[in-house]
Amino acid sequence: MSKTAVVYWSGTGNTEAMAQAVAESAGAELFACADFDAAKVDEFDAIAFGCPSMGAEQLEEDEFEPLFTACEPKLSGKKLALFGSYGWGDGEWMRNWQEQCEADGADLVAEPVICNDAPDDEALAACKALGEKLANA
């Protein structure tokens, strides 16, 4: 079985709830972004990154974006999944993030999971399915 990490940033707890669902179904280690760094990327076969949309549909820029940017050079060929919540807009931040990961050469194992505000049962089920796909990729 592959060694999997779920790394997330959450301001309100919505993305954290999504991260817990992904990690549970993937049998993954769960990390708040403050507890993860680029050096750890090499320890895992697969990583799910979770971050909500902030501001004008962008990644959280004080903690998560610097971490993700530091990880990017190590993502080529890495099995990856993305998830996050948003409060407004149409998910543009996730489409941009997905394109960025693909440009980095990452192997996205599934379509990203996004949900508006707190994840409902359907969103949590999608997170669990995402975790399963990541664990079995």
N, C-alpha and C. Protein backbone atom coordinates (compact mmCIF):
# COMPACT_ATOMS: atom_id res chain seq x y z
N MET A 1 0.85 -1.19 0.00
CA MET A 1 0.00 0.00 0.00
C MET A 1 0.89 1.24 0.00
N SER A 2 0.47 2.24 -0.76
CA SER A 2 1.29 3.44 -0.87
C SER A 2 1.21 4.27 0.41
N LYS A 3 2.27 5.01 0.67
CA LYS A 3 2.31 5.90 1.82
C LYS A 3 1.75 7.25 1.38
N THR A 4 0.70 7.68 2.06
CA THR A 4 -0.06 8.85 1.61
C THR A 4 -0.12 9.91 2.70
N ALA A 5 -0.02 11.17 2.27
CA ALA A 5 -0.17 12.31 3.17
C ALA A 5 -1.34 13.16 2.71
N VAL A 6 -2.04 13.74 3.66
CA VAL A 6 -3.06 14.74 3.38
C VAL A 6 -2.60 16.01 4.10
N VAL A 7 -2.37 17.07 3.33
CA VAL A 7 -1.84 18.33 3.84
C VAL A 7 -2.87 19.42 3.56
N TYR A 8 -3.25 20.16 4.60
CA TYR A 8 -4.32 21.14 4.40
C TYR A 8 -4.11 22.40 5.22
N TRP A 9 -4.78 23.46 4.79
CA TRP A 9 -4.92 24.69 5.56
C TRP A 9 -6.42 24.95 5.67
N SER A 10 -6.87 25.35 6.85
CA SER A 10 -8.30 25.61 7.04
C SER A 10 -8.46 26.80 7.98
N GLY A 11 -9.29 27.73 7.59
CA GLY A 11 -9.56 28.89 8.43
C GLY A 11 -10.79 28.71 9.28
N THR A 12 -11.81 28.07 8.71
CA THR A 12 -13.11 27.94 9.40
C THR A 12 -13.42 26.52 9.83
N GLY A 13 -12.60 25.56 9.40
CA GLY A 13 -12.85 24.16 9.71
C GLY A 13 -13.47 23.39 8.56
N ASN A 14 -13.94 24.09 7.51
CA ASN A 14 -14.57 23.39 6.38
C ASN A 14 -13.57 22.51 5.63
N THR A 15 -12.43 23.08 5.29
CA THR A 15 -11.41 22.30 4.57
C THR A 15 -10.81 21.24 5.48
N GLU A 16 -10.73 21.53 6.78
CA GLU A 16 -10.24 20.52 7.73
C GLU A 16 -11.17 19.31 7.75
N ALA A 17 -12.47 19.53 7.73
CA ALA A 17 -13.43 18.41 7.71
C ALA A 17 -13.25 17.59 6.43
N MET A 18 -13.01 18.27 5.32
CA MET A 18 -12.76 17.58 4.05
C MET A 18 -11.47 16.76 4.16
N ALA A 19 -10.44 17.35 4.75
CA ALA A 19 -9.14 16.67 4.89
C ALA A 19 -9.28 15.41 5.72
N GLN A 20 -10.06 15.48 6.79
CA GLN A 20 -10.25 14.32 7.64
C GLN A 20 -10.93 13.19 6.88
N ALA A 21 -11.90 13.53 6.02
CA ALA A 21 -12.60 12.51 5.23
C ALA A 21 -11.65 11.88 4.21
N VAL A 22 -10.83 12.70 3.55
CA VAL A 22 -9.87 12.18 2.57
C VAL A 22 -8.86 11.27 3.28
N ALA A 23 -8.31 11.74 4.40
CA ALA A 23 -7.29 10.97 5.12
C ALA A 23 -7.83 9.65 5.63
N GLU A 24 -9.04 9.68 6.16
CA GLU A 24 -9.66 8.47 6.71
C GLU A 24 -9.80 7.39 5.64
N SER A 25 -10.31 7.77 4.48
CA SER A 25 -10.54 6.77 3.44
C SER A 25 -9.24 6.35 2.74
N ALA A 26 -8.22 7.22 2.78
CA ALA A 26 -6.95 6.89 2.13
C ALA A 26 -6.00 6.17 3.07
N GLY A 27 -6.35 6.11 4.37
CA GLY A 27 -5.42 5.55 5.34
C GLY A 27 -4.16 6.40 5.40
N ALA A 28 -4.34 7.72 5.29
CA ALA A 28 -3.21 8.65 5.16
C ALA A 28 -2.86 9.32 6.48
N GLU A 29 -1.63 9.85 6.52
CA GLU A 29 -1.22 10.71 7.61
C GLU A 29 -1.77 12.10 7.33
N LEU A 30 -2.34 12.73 8.34
CA LEU A 30 -2.96 14.05 8.21
C LEU A 30 -2.04 15.12 8.77
N PHE A 31 -1.79 16.16 7.98
CA PHE A 31 -0.91 17.25 8.40
C PHE A 31 -1.59 18.60 8.18
N ALA A 32 -1.64 19.45 9.21
CA ALA A 32 -1.93 20.86 8.99
C ALA A 32 -0.71 21.40 8.25
N CYS A 33 -0.88 22.40 7.39
CA CYS A 33 0.25 22.82 6.56
C CYS A 33 1.43 23.29 7.40
N ALA A 34 1.19 23.82 8.59
CA ALA A 34 2.28 24.26 9.46
C ALA A 34 3.16 23.10 9.92
N ASP A 35 2.65 21.87 9.83
CA ASP A 35 3.38 20.69 10.29
C ASP A 35 4.01 19.88 9.14
N PHE A 36 4.03 20.48 7.95
CA PHE A 36 4.56 19.80 6.76
C PHE A 36 5.57 20.73 6.10
N ASP A 37 6.56 20.15 5.43
CA ASP A 37 7.47 20.99 4.65
C ASP A 37 7.90 20.23 3.41
N ALA A 38 8.55 20.93 2.49
CA ALA A 38 8.90 20.33 1.20
C ALA A 38 9.78 19.10 1.35
N ALA A 39 10.61 19.06 2.39
CA ALA A 39 11.49 17.90 2.59
C ALA A 39 10.69 16.62 2.80
N LYS A 40 9.47 16.74 3.32
CA LYS A 40 8.64 15.55 3.59
C LYS A 40 8.00 14.97 2.32
N VAL A 41 7.96 15.75 1.24
CA VAL A 41 7.31 15.27 0.01
C VAL A 41 7.89 13.92 -0.42
N ASP A 42 9.22 13.78 -0.31
CA ASP A 42 9.88 12.56 -0.76
C ASP A 42 9.50 11.33 0.07
N GLU A 43 8.96 11.53 1.27
CA GLU A 43 8.59 10.41 2.14
C GLU A 43 7.29 9.73 1.73
N PHE A 44 6.53 10.38 0.81
CA PHE A 44 5.20 9.89 0.48
C PHE A 44 5.07 9.55 -1.00
N ASP A 45 4.31 8.49 -1.28
CA ASP A 45 4.04 8.09 -2.66
C ASP A 45 2.94 8.95 -3.27
N ALA A 46 2.04 9.43 -2.41
CA ALA A 46 0.89 10.20 -2.88
C ALA A 46 0.56 11.27 -1.84
N ILE A 47 0.08 12.42 -2.33
CA ILE A 47 -0.27 13.52 -1.44
C ILE A 47 -1.57 14.16 -1.90
N ALA A 48 -2.44 14.42 -0.95
CA ALA A 48 -3.63 15.24 -1.21
C ALA A 48 -3.38 16.59 -0.55
N PHE A 49 -3.57 17.65 -1.32
CA PHE A 49 -3.45 19.01 -0.79
C PHE A 49 -4.84 19.62 -0.71
N GLY A 50 -5.13 20.25 0.42
CA GLY A 50 -6.42 20.91 0.60
C GLY A 50 -6.25 22.34 1.04
N CYS A 51 -6.93 23.24 0.33
CA CYS A 51 -6.87 24.66 0.68
C CYS A 51 -8.14 25.34 0.20
N PRO A 52 -8.73 26.19 1.03
CA PRO A 52 -9.91 26.92 0.59
C PRO A 52 -9.54 28.05 -0.35
N SER A 53 -10.54 28.54 -1.04
CA SER A 53 -10.39 29.73 -1.86
C SER A 53 -10.36 30.94 -0.94
N MET A 54 -9.44 31.82 -1.19
CA MET A 54 -9.32 33.03 -0.38
C MET A 54 -9.38 34.24 -1.31
N GLY A 55 -9.75 35.40 -0.76
CA GLY A 55 -9.68 36.65 -1.52
C GLY A 55 -10.32 36.53 -2.89
N ALA A 56 -9.56 36.91 -3.90
CA ALA A 56 -10.06 36.89 -5.27
C ALA A 56 -9.76 35.52 -5.89
N GLU A 57 -10.35 34.49 -5.30
CA GLU A 57 -10.17 33.11 -5.75
C GLU A 57 -8.69 32.75 -5.89
N GLN A 58 -8.03 32.64 -4.75
CA GLN A 58 -6.63 32.24 -4.72
C GLN A 58 -6.37 31.37 -3.50
N LEU A 59 -5.22 30.72 -3.48
CA LEU A 59 -4.83 29.91 -2.33
C LEU A 59 -4.52 30.83 -1.15
N GLU A 60 -4.67 30.31 0.06
CA GLU A 60 -4.31 31.07 1.26
C GLU A 60 -2.83 31.42 1.16
N GLU A 61 -2.49 32.72 1.24
CA GLU A 61 -1.16 33.15 0.83
C GLU A 61 -0.12 33.31 1.93
N ASP A 62 -0.50 33.28 3.20
CA ASP A 62 0.48 33.46 4.26
C ASP A 62 1.16 32.16 4.66
N GLU A 63 0.39 31.07 4.73
CA GLU A 63 0.94 29.79 5.16
C GLU A 63 0.93 28.75 4.04
N PHE A 64 -0.23 28.56 3.40
CA PHE A 64 -0.35 27.45 2.46
C PHE A 64 0.42 27.69 1.16
N GLU A 65 0.24 28.85 0.55
CA GLU A 65 0.88 29.08 -0.75
C GLU A 65 2.41 28.97 -0.68
N PRO A 66 3.07 29.56 0.35
CA PRO A 66 4.53 29.37 0.42
C PRO A 66 4.93 27.90 0.57
N LEU A 67 4.16 27.14 1.35
CA LEU A 67 4.44 25.71 1.50
C LEU A 67 4.29 25.00 0.15
N PHE A 68 3.17 25.25 -0.53
CA PHE A 68 2.91 24.58 -1.80
C PHE A 68 3.99 24.94 -2.82
N THR A 69 4.36 26.21 -2.88
CA THR A 69 5.40 26.66 -3.82
C THR A 69 6.71 25.94 -3.54
N ALA A 70 7.04 25.76 -2.26
CA ALA A 70 8.27 25.04 -1.90
C ALA A 70 8.20 23.57 -2.31
N CYS A 71 7.01 22.98 -2.29
CA CYS A 71 6.82 21.57 -2.66
C CYS A 71 6.83 21.35 -4.17
N GLU A 72 6.46 22.37 -4.93
CA GLU A 72 6.26 22.21 -6.39
C GLU A 72 7.40 21.54 -7.14
N PRO A 73 8.69 21.86 -6.87
CA PRO A 73 9.76 21.20 -7.63
C PRO A 73 9.81 19.69 -7.43
N LYS A 74 9.15 19.18 -6.40
CA LYS A 74 9.19 17.74 -6.09
C LYS A 74 7.92 17.02 -6.56
N LEU A 75 7.01 17.71 -7.25
CA LEU A 75 5.72 17.11 -7.59
C LEU A 75 5.70 16.35 -8.91
N SER A 76 6.74 16.49 -9.72
CA SER A 76 6.75 15.80 -11.01
C SER A 76 6.68 14.29 -10.79
N GLY A 77 5.68 13.66 -11.39
CA GLY A 77 5.49 12.22 -11.27
C GLY A 77 4.82 11.78 -9.98
N LYS A 78 4.56 12.71 -9.07
CA LYS A 78 3.94 12.39 -7.77
C LYS A 78 2.43 12.24 -7.96
N LYS A 79 1.85 11.23 -7.32
CA LYS A 79 0.39 11.07 -7.35
C LYS A 79 -0.21 12.11 -6.43
N LEU A 80 -1.19 12.87 -6.97
CA LEU A 80 -1.70 14.03 -6.26
C LEU A 80 -3.22 14.09 -6.34
N ALA A 81 -3.81 14.66 -5.30
CA ALA A 81 -5.24 14.97 -5.30
C ALA A 81 -5.39 16.35 -4.66
N LEU A 82 -6.41 17.09 -5.09
CA LEU A 82 -6.66 18.44 -4.59
C LEU A 82 -8.10 18.55 -4.09
N PHE A 83 -8.29 19.35 -3.03
CA PHE A 83 -9.63 19.60 -2.52
C PHE A 83 -9.66 20.92 -1.77
N GLY A 84 -10.86 21.45 -1.58
CA GLY A 84 -11.01 22.67 -0.80
C GLY A 84 -12.41 23.21 -0.87
N SER A 85 -12.69 24.15 0.02
CA SER A 85 -14.01 24.77 0.07
C SER A 85 -13.90 26.23 -0.37
N TYR A 86 -15.04 26.80 -0.70
CA TYR A 86 -15.08 28.20 -1.12
C TYR A 86 -16.39 28.82 -0.66
N GLY A 87 -16.39 30.14 -0.57
CA GLY A 87 -17.58 30.83 -0.12
C GLY A 87 -18.22 31.68 -1.20
N TRP A 88 -17.51 31.90 -2.28
CA TRP A 88 -18.01 32.72 -3.36
C TRP A 88 -17.27 32.31 -4.63
N GLY A 89 -17.70 32.84 -5.77
CA GLY A 89 -17.04 32.52 -7.03
C GLY A 89 -17.53 31.18 -7.57
N ASP A 90 -16.78 30.65 -8.54
CA ASP A 90 -17.23 29.43 -9.22
C ASP A 90 -16.18 28.33 -9.23
N GLY A 91 -15.16 28.47 -8.38
CA GLY A 91 -14.14 27.43 -8.34
C GLY A 91 -12.93 27.72 -9.21
N GLU A 92 -12.81 28.95 -9.68
CA GLU A 92 -11.68 29.31 -10.55
C GLU A 92 -10.34 29.01 -9.89
N TRP A 93 -10.24 29.24 -8.57
CA TRP A 93 -8.97 28.99 -7.87
C TRP A 93 -8.56 27.53 -8.01
N MET A 94 -9.51 26.62 -7.99
CA MET A 94 -9.19 25.20 -8.09
C MET A 94 -8.77 24.85 -9.51
N ARG A 95 -9.44 25.41 -10.50
CA ARG A 95 -9.04 25.14 -11.89
C ARG A 95 -7.61 25.65 -12.13
N ASN A 96 -7.29 26.83 -11.60
CA ASN A 96 -5.94 27.38 -11.75
C ASN A 96 -4.91 26.50 -11.05
N TRP A 97 -5.27 26.04 -9.83
CA TRP A 97 -4.37 25.20 -9.04
C TRP A 97 -4.13 23.87 -9.74
N GLN A 98 -5.19 23.29 -10.30
CA GLN A 98 -5.08 22.03 -11.03
C GLN A 98 -4.14 22.20 -12.23
N GLU A 99 -4.31 23.28 -12.98
CA GLU A 99 -3.44 23.54 -14.14
C GLU A 99 -1.99 23.69 -13.71
N GLN A 100 -1.78 24.36 -12.58
CA GLN A 100 -0.44 24.57 -12.03
C GLN A 100 0.20 23.21 -11.70
N CYS A 101 -0.56 22.33 -11.06
CA CYS A 101 -0.04 21.01 -10.70
C CYS A 101 0.28 20.18 -11.94
N GLU A 102 -0.59 20.26 -12.95
CA GLU A 102 -0.35 19.51 -14.19
C GLU A 102 0.91 20.04 -14.87
N ALA A 103 1.11 21.37 -14.85
CA ALA A 103 2.31 21.98 -15.44
C ALA A 103 3.56 21.54 -14.68
N ASP A 104 3.42 21.26 -13.39
CA ASP A 104 4.54 20.77 -12.57
C ASP A 104 4.85 19.31 -12.85
N GLY A 105 4.00 18.63 -13.63
CA GLY A 105 4.22 17.23 -13.95
C GLY A 105 3.61 16.25 -12.96
N ALA A 106 2.75 16.76 -12.06
CA ALA A 106 2.10 15.88 -11.08
C ALA A 106 1.08 14.99 -11.79
N ASP A 107 0.81 13.85 -11.19
CA ASP A 107 -0.16 12.89 -11.71
C ASP A 107 -1.44 13.03 -10.88
N LEU A 108 -2.37 13.86 -11.35
CA LEU A 108 -3.63 14.02 -10.62
C LEU A 108 -4.48 12.79 -10.83
N VAL A 109 -4.81 12.12 -9.73
CA VAL A 109 -5.49 10.82 -9.80
C VAL A 109 -6.99 10.94 -9.98
N ALA A 110 -7.54 12.15 -9.77
CA ALA A 110 -8.99 12.36 -9.88
C ALA A 110 -9.26 13.84 -10.03
N GLU A 111 -10.48 14.15 -10.44
CA GLU A 111 -10.89 15.55 -10.48
C GLU A 111 -10.87 16.10 -9.06
N PRO A 112 -10.44 17.35 -8.88
CA PRO A 112 -10.46 17.94 -7.53
C PRO A 112 -11.89 17.98 -6.97
N VAL A 113 -11.98 17.96 -5.65
CA VAL A 113 -13.27 18.06 -4.97
C VAL A 113 -13.37 19.45 -4.34
N ILE A 114 -14.44 20.17 -4.70
CA ILE A 114 -14.69 21.47 -4.07
C ILE A 114 -16.11 21.48 -3.53
N CYS A 115 -16.31 22.27 -2.48
CA CYS A 115 -17.66 22.42 -1.96
C CYS A 115 -17.84 23.85 -1.47
N ASN A 116 -19.07 24.31 -1.54
CA ASN A 116 -19.40 25.65 -1.09
C ASN A 116 -19.66 25.61 0.41
N ASP A 117 -18.90 26.40 1.15
CA ASP A 117 -19.00 26.49 2.62
C ASP A 117 -18.74 25.12 3.27
N ALA A 118 -19.52 24.79 4.28
CA ALA A 118 -19.28 23.54 5.01
C ALA A 118 -19.63 22.34 4.14
N PRO A 119 -18.80 21.29 4.17
CA PRO A 119 -19.08 20.11 3.34
C PRO A 119 -20.33 19.38 3.84
N ASP A 120 -21.24 19.12 2.91
CA ASP A 120 -22.43 18.34 3.25
C ASP A 120 -22.10 16.86 3.03
N ASP A 121 -23.09 16.00 3.19
CA ASP A 121 -22.86 14.55 3.05
C ASP A 121 -22.31 14.20 1.68
N GLU A 122 -22.82 14.87 0.65
CA GLU A 122 -22.38 14.59 -0.72
C GLU A 122 -20.90 14.98 -0.89
N ALA A 123 -20.52 16.13 -0.34
CA ALA A 123 -19.12 16.58 -0.45
C ALA A 123 -18.20 15.66 0.35
N LEU A 124 -18.64 15.24 1.53
CA LEU A 124 -17.82 14.32 2.33
C LEU A 124 -17.67 12.97 1.64
N ALA A 125 -18.72 12.51 0.98
CA ALA A 125 -18.63 11.26 0.22
C ALA A 125 -17.65 11.42 -0.94
N ALA A 126 -17.66 12.59 -1.58
CA ALA A 126 -16.72 12.85 -2.68
C ALA A 126 -15.29 12.88 -2.15
N CYS A 127 -15.09 13.42 -0.95
CA CYS A 127 -13.76 13.44 -0.33
C CYS A 127 -13.29 12.02 -0.02
N LYS A 128 -14.20 11.19 0.47
CA LYS A 128 -13.84 9.79 0.76
C LYS A 128 -13.47 9.06 -0.53
N ALA A 129 -14.22 9.31 -1.60
CA ALA A 129 -13.91 8.69 -2.89
C ALA A 129 -12.56 9.18 -3.40
N LEU A 130 -12.26 10.45 -3.19
CA LEU A 130 -10.97 11.01 -3.59
C LEU A 130 -9.84 10.31 -2.84
N GLY A 131 -10.03 10.12 -1.53
CA GLY A 131 -9.02 9.43 -0.74
C GLY A 131 -8.79 8.00 -1.20
N GLU A 132 -9.87 7.31 -1.55
CA GLU A 132 -9.75 5.94 -2.04
C GLU A 132 -8.99 5.88 -3.35
N LYS A 133 -9.30 6.82 -4.27
CA LYS A 133 -8.60 6.85 -5.55
C LYS A 133 -7.12 7.12 -5.34
N LEU A 134 -6.81 8.02 -4.40
CA LEU A 134 -5.41 8.36 -4.14
C LEU A 134 -4.67 7.16 -3.56
N ALA A 135 -5.30 6.49 -2.61
CA ALA A 135 -4.66 5.34 -1.96
C ALA A 135 -4.44 4.18 -2.94
N ASN A 136 -5.29 4.07 -3.94
CA ASN A 136 -5.23 2.95 -4.87
C ASN A 136 -4.57 3.30 -6.20
N ALA A 137 -4.08 4.53 -6.31
CA ALA A 137 -3.49 4.97 -7.58
C ALA A 137 -2.13 4.34 -7.80
